[in-house]
Amino acid sequence: MITACTPKIPKEEREQFKETVGLGSSHAYTVLRVIDIPELELKLVKLRNPNIGKFKWKGDWSESSALWTDELKSLVGYNVQEKGVFFMSDTDFYQ
């Protein structure tokens, strides 16, 4: 079983955390899939935020990330229409 959650952020830092990182404090996320792409030495974690629209991941592999290519989007089944779904690399995920 894989779980994904964020730590409790001090109250006075929560808004800044949401604005800069795009994740909630003490918040759980659903792990939908772990994708291993050995030829790129890359592992992506596909997550779902149950609080759709309240905040969005802003780091690498976010929907506005320059790391995405059309080929990679096709390979992982990226779909911008899936609301609340986002990707992180395994290095972001384990921090």
Protein backbone atom coordinates (compact mmCIF):
# COMPACT_ATOMS: atom_id res chain seq x y z
CA MET A 1 0.00 0.00 0.00
CA ILE A 2 1.22 3.48 -0.84
CA THR A 3 -0.04 6.57 0.90
CA ALA A 4 0.57 10.23 0.16
CA CYS A 5 0.11 13.09 2.57
CA THR A 6 1.63 16.39 3.53
CA PRO A 7 2.91 17.28 6.99
CA LYS A 8 1.16 19.70 9.30
CA ILE A 9 2.36 23.16 8.37
CA PRO A 10 2.32 25.84 11.09
CA LYS A 11 -0.84 27.92 10.80
CA GLU A 12 1.00 31.13 9.95
CA GLU A 13 2.78 29.42 7.01
CA ARG A 14 -0.16 27.50 5.47
CA GLU A 15 -1.32 30.10 2.97
CA GLN A 16 2.20 30.67 1.68
CA PHE A 17 2.69 26.89 1.40
CA LYS A 18 -0.51 26.57 -0.67
CA GLU A 19 0.48 29.52 -2.87
CA THR A 20 4.08 28.47 -3.52
CA VAL A 21 3.88 24.66 -3.48
CA GLY A 22 0.24 24.08 -4.29
CA LEU A 23 -0.41 21.44 -1.63
CA GLY A 24 -2.52 21.54 1.51
CA SER A 25 -1.34 21.14 5.10
CA SER A 26 -2.07 17.77 6.77
CA HIS A 27 -3.75 16.67 3.57
CA ALA A 28 -4.09 13.16 2.12
CA TYR A 29 -3.88 12.40 -1.59
CA THR A 30 -4.94 9.30 -3.48
CA VAL A 31 -2.10 7.46 -5.23
CA LEU A 32 -3.53 6.35 -8.57
CA ARG A 33 -0.46 4.93 -10.25
CA VAL A 34 3.32 4.73 -10.10
CA ILE A 35 4.90 4.91 -13.55
CA ASP A 36 8.46 3.73 -14.17
CA ILE A 37 10.11 5.02 -17.34
CA PRO A 38 13.56 3.37 -17.28
CA GLU A 39 14.77 4.85 -20.59
CA LEU A 40 14.44 8.33 -19.03
CA GLU A 41 15.52 7.21 -15.55
CA LEU A 42 12.22 8.64 -14.33
CA LYS A 43 9.48 7.50 -11.99
CA LEU A 44 6.26 9.47 -11.81
CA VAL A 45 3.54 9.19 -9.22
CA LYS A 46 0.01 9.97 -10.42
CA LEU A 47 -2.04 11.47 -7.59
CA ARG A 48 -5.53 12.80 -7.06
CA ASN A 49 -6.43 15.70 -4.82
CA PRO A 50 -9.90 15.11 -3.34
CA ASN A 51 -10.24 18.88 -2.75
CA ILE A 52 -10.53 19.71 -6.43
CA GLY A 53 -10.12 23.39 -7.16
CA LYS A 54 -8.87 24.46 -3.73
CA PHE A 55 -5.18 24.24 -4.62
CA LYS A 56 -2.97 22.71 -7.34
CA TRP A 57 0.53 21.26 -7.33
CA LYS A 58 2.96 23.81 -8.76
CA GLY A 59 6.25 21.91 -8.88
CA ASP A 60 7.90 19.74 -11.51
CA TRP A 61 5.40 17.70 -13.54
CA SER A 62 2.50 20.01 -12.65
CA GLU A 63 0.11 20.81 -15.49
CA SER A 64 2.10 23.97 -16.29
CA SER A 65 5.52 22.29 -16.09
CA ALA A 66 7.87 22.72 -19.04
CA LEU A 67 9.10 19.14 -18.47
CA TRP A 68 6.12 17.64 -20.28
CA THR A 69 6.42 16.59 -23.91
CA ASP A 70 3.55 15.34 -26.04
CA GLU A 71 5.26 11.94 -26.22
CA LEU A 72 5.60 11.69 -22.45
CA LYS A 73 1.99 12.81 -21.90
CA SER A 74 0.86 10.06 -24.24
CA LEU A 75 3.10 7.49 -22.56
CA VAL A 76 1.68 8.14 -19.05
CA GLY A 77 -1.90 8.82 -20.13
CA TYR A 78 -1.84 12.46 -19.11
CA ASN A 79 -5.27 14.05 -19.47
CA VAL A 80 -5.81 17.69 -18.54
CA GLN A 81 -9.56 16.97 -18.27
CA GLU A 82 -8.99 14.77 -15.18
CA LYS A 83 -9.75 17.34 -12.51
CA GLY A 84 -7.68 17.09 -9.34
CA VAL A 85 -5.20 14.65 -10.91
CA PHE A 86 -1.52 15.56 -11.03
CA PHE A 87 1.93 14.01 -11.30
CA MET A 88 5.07 14.24 -9.18
CA SER A 89 8.44 12.61 -9.67
CA ASP A 90 9.46 10.05 -7.09
CA THR A 91 12.07 12.51 -5.80
CA ASP A 92 9.36 15.11 -5.07
CA PHE A 93 7.10 12.47 -3.62
CA TYR A 94 9.58 11.17 -1.03
CA GLN A 95 10.76 14.53 0.30
